[in-house]
Amino acid sequence: MKPLAIPSAFTTTFTLEYGVSEADMRRLYENAKRDQWNASRDISWSAPPSSDGRVIADELIDIYGSPLWERLPEADRVTLNRRIAAWRLSVLMHGEQGALLACSQMVDIVQGADAKFFQATQVVDEARHNEVLSRYLTDRLDGLTYPMPANERDIFDSILSESRWYLKTIALQLVAETFAVALFKMMSESARDPVLEAICKRILVDESRHMGFGMLALPRVVSEASAAERRELEDYTCFALEKTLTGFFPLEAYQDAGFSAREIDEVKRYRRETAASNDYAPFRKYFKRDMHGSMVANLARLGLLTDRVRPRLEKLGVTLPAS
């Protein structure tokens, strides 16, 4: 695939004081050094796959339990399972490179040694996640890889071209990555392949630190913002939520599995009806719970989700926590 070029411009801050000025941020950096792992050494790549070839639980497939699913032969169900898994992991893999690039910029633009040191560890984390997901797709899913969805490209176009570190942090650490955390957790709990389970659990340890950066770095920015700046922060948060929570549909995976245009329309219809009835499979219920318990709660705690943007949030199915 052809590389993407995203123009960007920002001012690099050279810090000349290297002592600890933010103890909690320095502790996050120490934790990152302590928790480093090696994707080549610490994952048991030779572990046997599931006996039936499935990668994730069938419950994570949109059409599971539908009439269309019931009509599928067993071999086609396994094929669809593997292709849906490959599509989701491809989305996550592209997102990890986007995070790698964004955090490399953050090293330049954040101020203070504590924040720079931590961002340097996140660059390493994201490179490792990119590496391990790429290897998984190659080694365990026959090289199946799907392109970056348009809405994922949109959010990283914005993050990578934005010069202000705090807006990058909102969109990356507190929205996109928190969404990914909920997805990694759901996949780790439902993985049929032990290698995928191990990878997801390793990545989750890293991602918890990344969210921690946002919760440590942003409160002062939000509290000191003017009324106009607060509106911009709220609107940018909504933009990031809209791009992250909408528009993801594994069209290419269904096409590759041999679904016709009529059948894909049936998939989309069943997906909408299931979401509207709130009749989620157990794993999806946990995903929604975890997403609201972390992403929405953290954004609200920072003061980035307010009554002013409530209508935009309601369209996304986001409910503000009780104050």
Protein backbone atom coordinates (compact mmCIF):
# COMPACT_ATOMS: atom_id res chain seq x y z
CA MET A 1 0.00 0.00 0.00
CA LYS A 2 1.21 3.50 -0.82
CA PRO A 3 2.42 5.50 2.24
CA LEU A 4 0.25 8.43 3.34
CA ALA A 5 1.75 11.92 3.52
CA ILE A 6 0.23 14.25 6.15
CA PRO A 7 1.63 17.82 6.29
CA SER A 8 2.37 19.09 9.79
CA ALA A 9 4.09 22.02 11.48
CA PHE A 10 4.87 22.57 15.14
CA THR A 11 7.42 24.20 17.41
CA THR A 12 9.96 21.93 19.11
CA THR A 13 10.60 22.71 22.77
CA PHE A 14 14.12 21.98 24.03
CA THR A 15 14.00 21.43 27.78
CA LEU A 16 17.15 22.35 29.72
CA GLU A 17 15.97 21.31 33.19
CA TYR A 18 16.02 17.55 33.72
CA GLY A 19 15.04 17.16 37.37
CA VAL A 20 11.66 15.88 38.55
CA SER A 21 9.03 18.63 38.45
CA GLU A 22 5.90 16.46 38.11
CA ALA A 23 6.27 13.49 40.43
CA ASP A 24 3.21 11.60 39.16
CA MET A 25 4.32 11.95 35.55
CA ARG A 26 7.84 10.78 36.42
CA ARG A 27 6.30 7.78 38.22
CA LEU A 28 4.39 6.95 35.03
CA TYR A 29 7.71 7.03 33.16
CA GLU A 30 9.29 4.71 35.75
CA ASN A 31 6.37 2.31 35.38
CA ALA A 32 6.80 2.34 31.61
CA LYS A 33 10.46 1.36 31.94
CA ARG A 34 9.55 -1.39 34.39
CA ASP A 35 6.82 -2.87 32.18
CA GLN A 36 8.63 -3.10 28.84
CA TRP A 37 8.25 -6.40 26.98
CA ASN A 38 9.67 -7.89 23.80
CA ALA A 39 7.22 -9.06 21.14
CA SER A 40 9.75 -11.51 19.74
CA ARG A 41 10.71 -13.06 23.07
CA ASP A 42 7.67 -12.76 25.35
CA ILE A 43 4.92 -14.08 23.07
CA SER A 44 4.68 -17.86 22.56
CA TRP A 45 4.32 -17.71 18.79
CA SER A 46 4.55 -21.49 18.48
CA ALA A 47 1.43 -22.12 20.59
CA PRO A 48 -1.07 -24.23 18.62
CA PRO A 49 -4.12 -22.38 17.23
CA SER A 50 -7.69 -23.33 18.08
CA SER A 51 -8.72 -26.73 16.78
CA ASP A 52 -11.45 -25.31 14.51
CA GLY A 53 -9.46 -22.38 13.14
CA ARG A 54 -11.47 -19.68 14.88
CA VAL A 55 -9.60 -16.64 16.18
CA ILE A 56 -12.30 -14.89 18.22
CA ALA A 57 -15.65 -15.94 19.65
CA ASP A 58 -18.42 -16.02 17.06
CA GLU A 59 -20.42 -13.68 19.33
CA LEU A 60 -18.14 -10.83 18.18
CA ILE A 61 -19.37 -11.17 14.60
CA ASP A 62 -22.18 -8.73 13.75
CA ILE A 63 -24.49 -11.33 12.26
CA TYR A 64 -24.06 -13.98 14.94
CA GLY A 65 -27.49 -15.42 15.75
CA SER A 66 -29.17 -13.91 12.70
CA PRO A 67 -31.01 -15.90 10.01
CA LEU A 68 -28.11 -15.20 7.67
CA TRP A 69 -25.68 -16.69 10.19
CA GLU A 70 -27.84 -19.76 10.64
CA ARG A 71 -27.75 -20.37 6.88
CA LEU A 72 -23.94 -20.35 6.73
CA PRO A 73 -22.11 -23.67 6.52
CA GLU A 74 -19.55 -24.32 9.27
CA ALA A 75 -16.59 -23.73 6.93
CA ASP A 76 -17.99 -20.33 5.92
CA ARG A 77 -18.49 -19.37 9.56
CA VAL A 78 -14.82 -20.08 10.28
CA THR A 79 -13.75 -18.11 7.20
CA LEU A 80 -15.86 -15.13 8.26
CA ASN A 81 -14.55 -15.37 11.83
CA ARG A 82 -10.96 -15.14 10.60
CA ARG A 83 -11.64 -12.30 8.18
CA ILE A 84 -13.58 -10.21 10.72
CA ALA A 85 -10.72 -10.72 13.19
CA ALA A 86 -8.20 -9.70 10.53
CA TRP A 87 -10.21 -6.57 9.69
CA ARG A 88 -10.44 -5.47 13.32
CA LEU A 89 -6.78 -6.18 13.99
CA SER A 90 -5.83 -4.27 10.82
CA VAL A 91 -7.76 -1.24 12.08
CA LEU A 92 -5.95 -1.50 15.41
CA MET A 93 -2.57 -1.98 13.71
CA HIS A 94 -3.00 1.17 11.59
CA GLY A 95 -4.09 3.04 14.71
CA GLU A 96 -0.95 1.94 16.53
CA GLN A 97 1.20 3.44 13.79
CA GLY A 98 -0.84 6.62 13.92
CA ALA A 99 -0.18 6.71 17.68
CA LEU A 100 3.52 6.04 17.08
CA LEU A 101 3.74 9.06 14.77
CA ALA A 102 1.68 11.28 17.05
CA CYS A 103 3.74 10.46 20.13
CA SER A 104 6.98 11.08 18.25
CA GLN A 105 5.63 14.59 17.63
CA MET A 106 4.58 14.89 21.27
CA VAL A 107 8.17 14.35 22.42
CA ASP A 108 9.01 17.55 20.53
CA ILE A 109 6.13 19.73 21.63
CA VAL A 110 5.33 18.85 25.26
CA GLN A 111 7.13 20.92 27.85
CA GLY A 112 9.07 19.54 30.79
CA ALA A 113 11.41 16.57 31.06
CA ASP A 114 8.84 14.37 32.82
CA ALA A 115 6.33 14.59 29.96
CA LYS A 116 9.02 14.21 27.29
CA PHE A 117 10.51 11.16 28.97
CA PHE A 118 7.10 9.50 29.23
CA GLN A 119 6.18 10.28 25.63
CA ALA A 120 9.45 8.67 24.53
CA THR A 121 8.34 5.45 26.23
CA GLN A 122 5.00 5.62 24.46
CA VAL A 123 6.78 5.86 21.10
CA VAL A 124 8.47 2.54 21.93
CA ASP A 125 5.18 1.04 23.12
CA GLU A 126 3.38 1.98 19.91
CA ALA A 127 6.18 0.62 17.74
CA ARG A 128 5.96 -2.69 19.60
CA HIS A 129 2.18 -2.82 19.21
CA ASN A 130 2.51 -2.11 15.50
CA GLU A 131 5.13 -4.86 15.23
CA VAL A 132 3.21 -7.50 17.18
CA LEU A 133 -0.10 -6.96 15.38
CA SER A 134 1.60 -7.03 11.99
CA ARG A 135 3.36 -10.27 12.89
CA TYR A 136 0.12 -11.79 14.17
CA LEU A 137 -1.67 -11.01 10.90
CA THR A 138 1.24 -12.49 8.95
CA ASP A 139 1.92 -15.58 11.05
CA ARG A 140 -1.52 -16.54 12.34
CA LEU A 141 -3.94 -15.11 9.75
CA ASP A 142 -2.14 -15.95 6.50
CA GLY A 143 -1.11 -12.34 5.86
CA LEU A 144 -4.68 -11.03 5.80
CA THR A 145 -4.51 -7.24 6.10
CA TYR A 146 -7.14 -4.61 5.36
CA PRO A 147 -6.74 -0.90 4.52
CA MET A 148 -7.24 1.97 6.94
CA PRO A 149 -10.92 3.01 7.11
CA ALA A 150 -11.79 6.54 6.03
CA ASN A 151 -12.88 7.74 9.47
CA GLU A 152 -9.67 6.40 11.05
CA ARG A 153 -7.69 8.26 8.40
CA ASP A 154 -9.69 11.43 9.19
CA ILE A 155 -8.92 11.38 12.91
CA PHE A 156 -5.21 10.78 12.37
CA ASP A 157 -5.08 13.46 9.67
CA SER A 158 -6.34 15.80 12.37
CA ILE A 159 -4.12 14.52 15.18
CA LEU A 160 -0.93 14.54 13.12
CA SER A 161 -1.52 17.96 11.58
CA GLU A 162 -2.51 19.57 14.90
CA SER A 163 0.27 21.60 16.55
CA ARG A 164 -1.16 21.69 20.09
CA TRP A 165 -0.20 18.79 22.32
CA TYR A 166 -3.34 18.93 24.44
CA LEU A 167 -5.65 18.48 21.45
CA LYS A 168 -3.52 15.57 20.26
CA THR A 169 -3.80 14.08 23.75
CA ILE A 170 -7.59 14.37 23.86
CA ALA A 171 -8.07 12.68 20.50
CA LEU A 172 -5.35 10.07 20.90
CA GLN A 173 -4.95 9.00 24.52
CA LEU A 174 -8.44 9.77 25.81
CA VAL A 175 -10.61 8.86 22.81
CA ALA A 176 -8.98 6.68 20.13
CA GLU A 177 -6.77 4.67 22.46
CA THR A 178 -9.41 4.32 25.15
CA PHE A 179 -11.77 2.91 22.52
CA ALA A 180 -8.98 0.53 21.49
CA VAL A 181 -8.51 -0.53 25.12
CA ALA A 182 -12.15 -1.61 25.33
CA LEU A 183 -11.75 -3.52 22.06
CA PHE A 184 -8.49 -5.19 23.13
CA LYS A 185 -10.10 -6.20 26.42
CA MET A 186 -13.13 -7.66 24.66
CA MET A 187 -10.90 -9.57 22.25
CA SER A 188 -8.60 -10.85 25.01
CA GLU A 189 -11.61 -12.21 26.93
CA SER A 190 -13.12 -13.84 23.85
CA ALA A 191 -9.99 -14.97 21.99
CA ARG A 192 -10.01 -18.54 20.69
CA ASP A 193 -6.32 -18.30 19.77
CA PRO A 194 -4.01 -18.26 22.84
CA VAL A 195 -1.49 -16.09 20.99
CA LEU A 196 -4.07 -13.39 20.36
CA GLU A 197 -5.14 -13.53 24.02
CA ALA A 198 -1.54 -13.08 25.18
CA ILE A 199 -0.94 -10.17 22.79
CA CYS A 200 -4.08 -8.32 23.85
CA LYS A 201 -3.26 -8.71 27.55
CA ARG A 202 0.26 -7.35 27.01
CA ILE A 203 -0.99 -4.38 25.04
CA LEU A 204 -3.60 -3.55 27.69
CA VAL A 205 -0.89 -3.01 30.32
CA ASP A 206 0.77 -0.42 28.08
CA GLU A 207 -2.46 1.31 27.12
CA SER A 208 -3.46 1.90 30.74
CA ARG A 209 -0.35 4.07 31.13
CA HIS A 210 -1.14 6.00 27.97
CA MET A 211 -4.56 6.97 29.30
CA GLY A 212 -2.85 7.96 32.53
CA PHE A 213 -0.81 10.59 30.70
CA GLY A 214 -3.95 12.39 29.57
CA MET A 215 -5.51 12.34 33.00
CA LEU A 216 -2.34 13.81 34.54
CA ALA A 217 -1.54 16.35 31.84
CA LEU A 218 -4.93 17.82 30.91
CA PRO A 219 -6.65 19.05 34.10
CA ARG A 220 -4.59 22.24 34.28
CA VAL A 221 -5.14 23.00 30.58
CA VAL A 222 -8.90 22.64 30.94
CA SER A 223 -9.15 24.58 34.20
CA GLU A 224 -7.12 27.51 32.84
CA ALA A 225 -8.90 27.68 29.46
CA SER A 226 -10.94 30.74 28.53
CA ALA A 227 -14.60 30.36 27.56
CA ALA A 228 -13.68 30.32 23.86
CA GLU A 229 -10.90 27.81 24.47
CA ARG A 230 -13.25 25.58 26.47
CA ARG A 231 -15.69 25.52 23.55
CA GLU A 232 -12.86 24.52 21.22
CA LEU A 233 -11.79 21.73 23.59
CA GLU A 234 -15.37 20.44 23.85
CA ASP A 235 -15.92 20.58 20.08
CA TYR A 236 -12.65 18.80 19.35
CA THR A 237 -13.57 16.10 21.86
CA CYS A 238 -16.90 15.60 20.06
CA PHE A 239 -15.13 15.45 16.69
CA ALA A 240 -12.81 12.74 17.99
CA LEU A 241 -15.74 10.79 19.46
CA GLU A 242 -17.72 11.05 16.22
CA LYS A 243 -14.81 9.72 14.14
CA THR A 244 -14.05 6.94 16.63
CA LEU A 245 -17.55 5.71 17.41
CA THR A 246 -19.10 5.83 13.92
CA GLY A 247 -18.34 4.58 10.44
CA PHE A 248 -16.52 1.33 11.26
CA PHE A 249 -18.02 -1.51 9.25
CA PRO A 250 -15.93 -4.49 7.99
CA LEU A 251 -17.24 -4.27 4.43
CA GLU A 252 -14.10 -5.71 2.84
CA ALA A 253 -14.14 -8.70 5.19
CA TYR A 254 -17.71 -9.61 4.18
CA GLN A 255 -16.87 -9.11 0.52
CA ASP A 256 -13.80 -11.34 0.79
CA ALA A 257 -15.90 -13.99 2.53
CA GLY A 258 -18.12 -14.11 -0.56
CA PHE A 259 -21.15 -12.12 0.65
CA SER A 260 -23.26 -10.53 -2.08
CA ALA A 261 -24.36 -6.88 -2.02
CA ARG A 262 -27.85 -8.04 -0.95
CA GLU A 263 -26.43 -10.11 1.89
CA ILE A 264 -24.24 -7.21 3.05
CA ASP A 265 -27.33 -5.01 3.16
CA GLU A 266 -28.94 -7.71 5.30
CA VAL A 267 -25.90 -7.66 7.61
CA LYS A 268 -26.15 -3.89 8.02
CA ARG A 269 -29.88 -4.07 8.68
CA TYR A 270 -29.47 -6.78 11.32
CA ARG A 271 -26.66 -4.79 12.91
CA ARG A 272 -28.84 -1.66 13.17
CA GLU A 273 -31.81 -3.60 14.54
CA THR A 274 -29.66 -5.35 17.14
CA ALA A 275 -28.12 -2.07 18.28
CA ALA A 276 -31.53 -0.38 18.45
CA SER A 277 -32.99 -3.17 20.58
CA ASN A 278 -29.94 -3.12 22.86
CA ASP A 279 -29.86 -6.90 22.48
CA TYR A 280 -26.09 -7.15 22.55
CA ALA A 281 -24.14 -10.35 22.92
CA PRO A 282 -22.47 -10.55 26.34
CA PHE A 283 -19.06 -9.52 25.05
CA ARG A 284 -20.52 -6.42 23.40
CA LYS A 285 -22.30 -5.49 26.60
CA TYR A 286 -18.97 -5.62 28.38
CA PHE A 287 -17.39 -3.55 25.63
CA LYS A 288 -19.97 -0.79 25.98
CA ARG A 289 -19.69 -0.90 29.76
CA ASP A 290 -15.89 -0.67 29.66
CA MET A 291 -15.94 2.09 27.06
CA HIS A 292 -18.33 4.25 29.10
CA GLY A 293 -16.56 3.34 32.32
CA SER A 294 -13.27 4.70 31.02
CA MET A 295 -13.59 6.96 27.98
CA VAL A 296 -16.81 8.78 28.81
CA ALA A 297 -16.16 8.94 32.55
CA ASN A 298 -12.64 10.32 32.09
CA LEU A 299 -13.69 12.94 29.53
CA ALA A 300 -16.55 14.04 31.76
CA ARG A 301 -14.26 14.16 34.81
CA LEU A 302 -11.97 16.53 32.91
CA GLY A 303 -14.91 18.77 32.02
CA LEU A 304 -14.79 18.07 28.28
CA LEU A 305 -18.34 16.68 28.01
CA THR A 306 -20.87 19.35 28.92
CA ASP A 307 -24.55 20.14 28.45
CA ARG A 308 -23.60 22.37 25.51
CA VAL A 309 -22.52 19.36 23.46
CA ARG A 310 -25.11 16.94 24.88
CA PRO A 311 -27.11 16.79 21.57
CA ARG A 312 -23.99 15.70 19.66
CA LEU A 313 -23.23 13.11 22.30
CA GLU A 314 -26.77 11.71 22.29
CA LYS A 315 -26.52 11.06 18.54
CA LEU A 316 -23.54 8.84 19.32
CA GLY A 317 -25.34 6.97 22.07
CA VAL A 318 -23.13 8.62 24.70
CA THR A 319 -24.83 9.39 28.00
CA LEU A 320 -23.25 11.87 30.38
CA PRO A 321 -22.50 10.42 33.82
CA ALA A 322 -24.71 11.65 36.65
CA SER A 323 -23.09 14.67 38.28
